C-alpha atoms as a PDB file:
ATOM      1  CA  UNK A   1       6.251  -4.659   4.868  1.00  0.00           C
ATOM      2  CA  UNK A   2       8.890  -1.978   4.418  1.00  0.00           C
ATOM      3  CA  UNK A   3       8.137   1.485   5.404  1.00  0.00           C
ATOM      4  CA  UNK A   4       8.849   2.924   1.915  1.00  0.00           C
ATOM      5  CA  UNK A   5       7.465   0.053  -0.199  1.00  0.00           C
ATOM      6  CA  UNK A   6       4.005   0.575  -1.781  1.00  0.00           C
ATOM      7  CA  UNK A   7       1.785  -2.536  -2.522  1.00  0.00           C
ATOM      8  CA  UNK A   8       1.745  -1.691  -6.281  1.00  0.00           C
ATOM      9  CA  UNK A   9       4.527  -4.368  -7.467  1.00  0.00           C
ATOM     10  CA  UNK A  10       4.647  -6.868  -4.389  1.00  0.00           C
ATOM     11  CA  UNK A  11       4.358 -10.366  -5.529  1.00  0.00           C
ATOM     12  CA  UNK A  12       4.131 -11.662  -1.796  1.00  0.00           C
ATOM     13  CA  UNK A  13       4.222 -10.153   1.554  1.00  0.00           C
ATOM     14  CA  UNK A  14       7.780 -11.300   2.026  1.00  0.00           C
ATOM     15  CA  UNK A  15       9.168 -10.391  -1.439  1.00  0.00           C
ATOM     16  CA  UNK A  16      11.902  -7.908  -0.666  1.00  0.00           C
ATOM     17  CA  UNK A  17      14.699  -9.017  -3.008  1.00  0.00           C
ATOM     18  CA  UNK A  18      13.161  -8.962  -6.555  1.00  0.00           C
ATOM     19  CA  UNK A  19      14.252  -6.132  -8.866  1.00  0.00           C
ATOM     20  CA  UNK A  20      10.638  -4.761  -9.048  1.00  0.00           C
ATOM     21  CA  UNK A  21      10.354  -4.345  -5.308  1.00  0.00           C
ATOM     22  CA  UNK A  22      13.614  -2.925  -4.910  1.00  0.00           C
ATOM     23  CA  UNK A  23      12.994  -0.205  -7.500  1.00  0.00           C
ATOM     24  CA  UNK A  24       9.641   0.273  -5.584  1.00  0.00           C
ATOM     25  CA  UNK A  25      11.509   0.806  -2.266  1.00  0.00           C
ATOM     26  CA  UNK A  26      14.180   3.059  -3.980  1.00  0.00           C
ATOM     27  CA  UNK A  27      11.318   5.038  -5.443  1.00  0.00           C
ATOM     28  CA  UNK A  28       9.577   5.643  -2.118  1.00  0.00           C
ATOM     29  CA  UNK A  29      12.923   6.529  -0.394  1.00  0.00           C
ATOM     30  CA  UNK A  30      13.763   9.044  -3.495  1.00  0.00           C
ATOM     31  CA  UNK A  31      10.332  10.676  -2.790  1.00  0.00           C
ATOM     32  CA  UNK A  32      11.084  10.898   0.921  1.00  0.00           C
ATOM     33  CA  UNK A  33      14.488  12.470   0.592  1.00  0.00           C
ATOM     34  CA  UNK A  34      13.064  14.904  -2.188  1.00  0.00           C
ATOM     35  CA  UNK A  35      10.666  16.231   0.241  1.00  0.00           C
ATOM     36  CA  UNK A  36      13.131  16.524   2.928  1.00  0.00           C
ATOM     37  CA  UNK A  37      15.537  18.457   0.611  1.00  0.00           C
ATOM     38  CA  UNK A  38      12.767  21.003  -0.170  1.00  0.00           C
ATOM     39  CA  UNK A  39      12.862  22.044   3.520  1.00  0.00           C
ATOM     40  CA  UNK A  40      16.625  21.535   4.000  1.00  0.00           C
ATOM     41  CA  UNK A  41      18.378  22.759   0.882  1.00  0.00           C
ATOM     42  CA  UNK A  42      21.807  22.658   2.384  1.00  0.00           C
ATOM     43  CA  UNK A  43      21.833  19.030   3.610  1.00  0.00           C
ATOM     44  CA  UNK A  44      24.638  17.736   1.547  1.00  0.00           C
ATOM     45  CA  UNK A  45      24.466  14.164   3.011  1.00  0.00           C
ATOM     46  CA  UNK A  46      20.741  13.848   1.913  1.00  0.00           C
ATOM     47  CA  UNK A  47      21.816  15.155  -1.633  1.00  0.00           C
ATOM     48  CA  UNK A  48      24.534  12.404  -1.978  1.00  0.00           C
ATOM     49  CA  UNK A  49      22.109   9.723  -0.721  1.00  0.00           C
ATOM     50  CA  UNK A  50      19.608  10.846  -3.225  1.00  0.00           C
ATOM     51  CA  UNK A  51      21.909  10.759  -6.037  1.00  0.00           C
ATOM     52  CA  UNK A  52      23.112   7.388  -4.872  1.00  0.00           C
ATOM     53  CA  UNK A  53      19.674   6.020  -4.806  1.00  0.00           C
ATOM     54  CA  UNK A  54      18.818   7.516  -8.202  1.00  0.00           C
ATOM     55  CA  UNK A  55      21.908   5.729  -9.677  1.00  0.00           C
ATOM     56  CA  UNK A  56      20.813   2.358  -8.022  1.00  0.00           C
ATOM     57  CA  UNK A  57      17.276   2.539  -9.317  1.00  0.00           C
ATOM     58  CA  UNK A  58      18.527   3.523 -12.716  1.00  0.00           C
ATOM     59  CA  UNK A  59      20.791   0.552 -12.894  1.00  0.00           C
ATOM     60  CA  UNK A  60      17.903  -1.856 -11.859  1.00  0.00           C
ATOM     61  CA  UNK A  61      15.690  -0.344 -14.479  1.00  0.00           C
ATOM     62  CA  UNK A  62      18.205  -0.855 -17.150  1.00  0.00           C
ATOM     63  CA  UNK A  63      18.612  -4.434 -16.039  1.00  0.00           C
ATOM     64  CA  UNK A  64      14.876  -5.098 -16.186  1.00  0.00           C
ATOM     65  CA  UNK A  65      14.425  -3.125 -19.485  1.00  0.00           C
ATOM     66  CA  UNK A  66      17.153  -5.495 -20.947  1.00  0.00           C
ATOM     67  CA  UNK A  67      15.610  -8.711 -19.599  1.00  0.00           C
ATOM     68  CA  UNK A  68      11.857  -8.081 -20.059  1.00  0.00           C
ATOM     69  CA  UNK A  69      10.409  -4.974 -21.523  1.00  0.00           C
ATOM     70  CA  UNK A  70       6.947  -5.614 -20.667  1.00  0.00           C
ATOM     71  CA  UNK A  71       7.783  -5.633 -16.884  1.00  0.00           C
ATOM     72  CA  UNK A  72       9.758  -2.410 -17.391  1.00  0.00           C
ATOM     73  CA  UNK A  73       6.801  -0.697 -18.961  1.00  0.00           C
ATOM     74  CA  UNK A  74       4.526  -1.856 -16.041  1.00  0.00           C
ATOM     75  CA  UNK A  75       6.873  -0.549 -13.527  1.00  0.00           C
ATOM     76  CA  UNK A  76       7.234   2.648 -15.264  1.00  0.00           C
ATOM     77  CA  UNK A  77       3.550   3.263 -15.377  1.00  0.00           C
ATOM     78  CA  UNK A  78       2.592   1.840 -11.851  1.00  0.00           C
ATOM     79  CA  UNK A  79       5.256   4.144 -10.284  1.00  0.00           C
ATOM     80  CA  UNK A  80       4.882   6.934 -12.482  1.00  0.00           C
ATOM     81  CA  UNK A  81       8.645   7.403 -12.793  1.00  0.00           C
ATOM     82  CA  UNK A  82       8.943   8.811 -16.367  1.00  0.00           C
ATOM     83  CA  UNK A  83       6.455  10.777 -18.238  1.00  0.00           C
END
C-alpha cells in the first residue's frame, strides 16, 4: 500500500491505477506538502509541486465527474475535498 493512500477508496490491495485511487494518493500528498509549507513558507519547489498535484487531481476529478457523477460525489464526501 502506498504511503499516502488511505483505505477509503481502495478496491483491492494492488489497485494503484484507477482514477479514484490516484485522487486518493494525490490528496494525501497534497495534505503532506501543505503541512510542510506551513513550516517552510519559502520552499518554492514544494509550492510548485503542490500546484502541480492540485492540477492533476482537478483533471482526474473532472474526468470522473463527466463519466460517473455518483462516484464523483462519493469521492468528494469520503476525502472531504470540497465543502
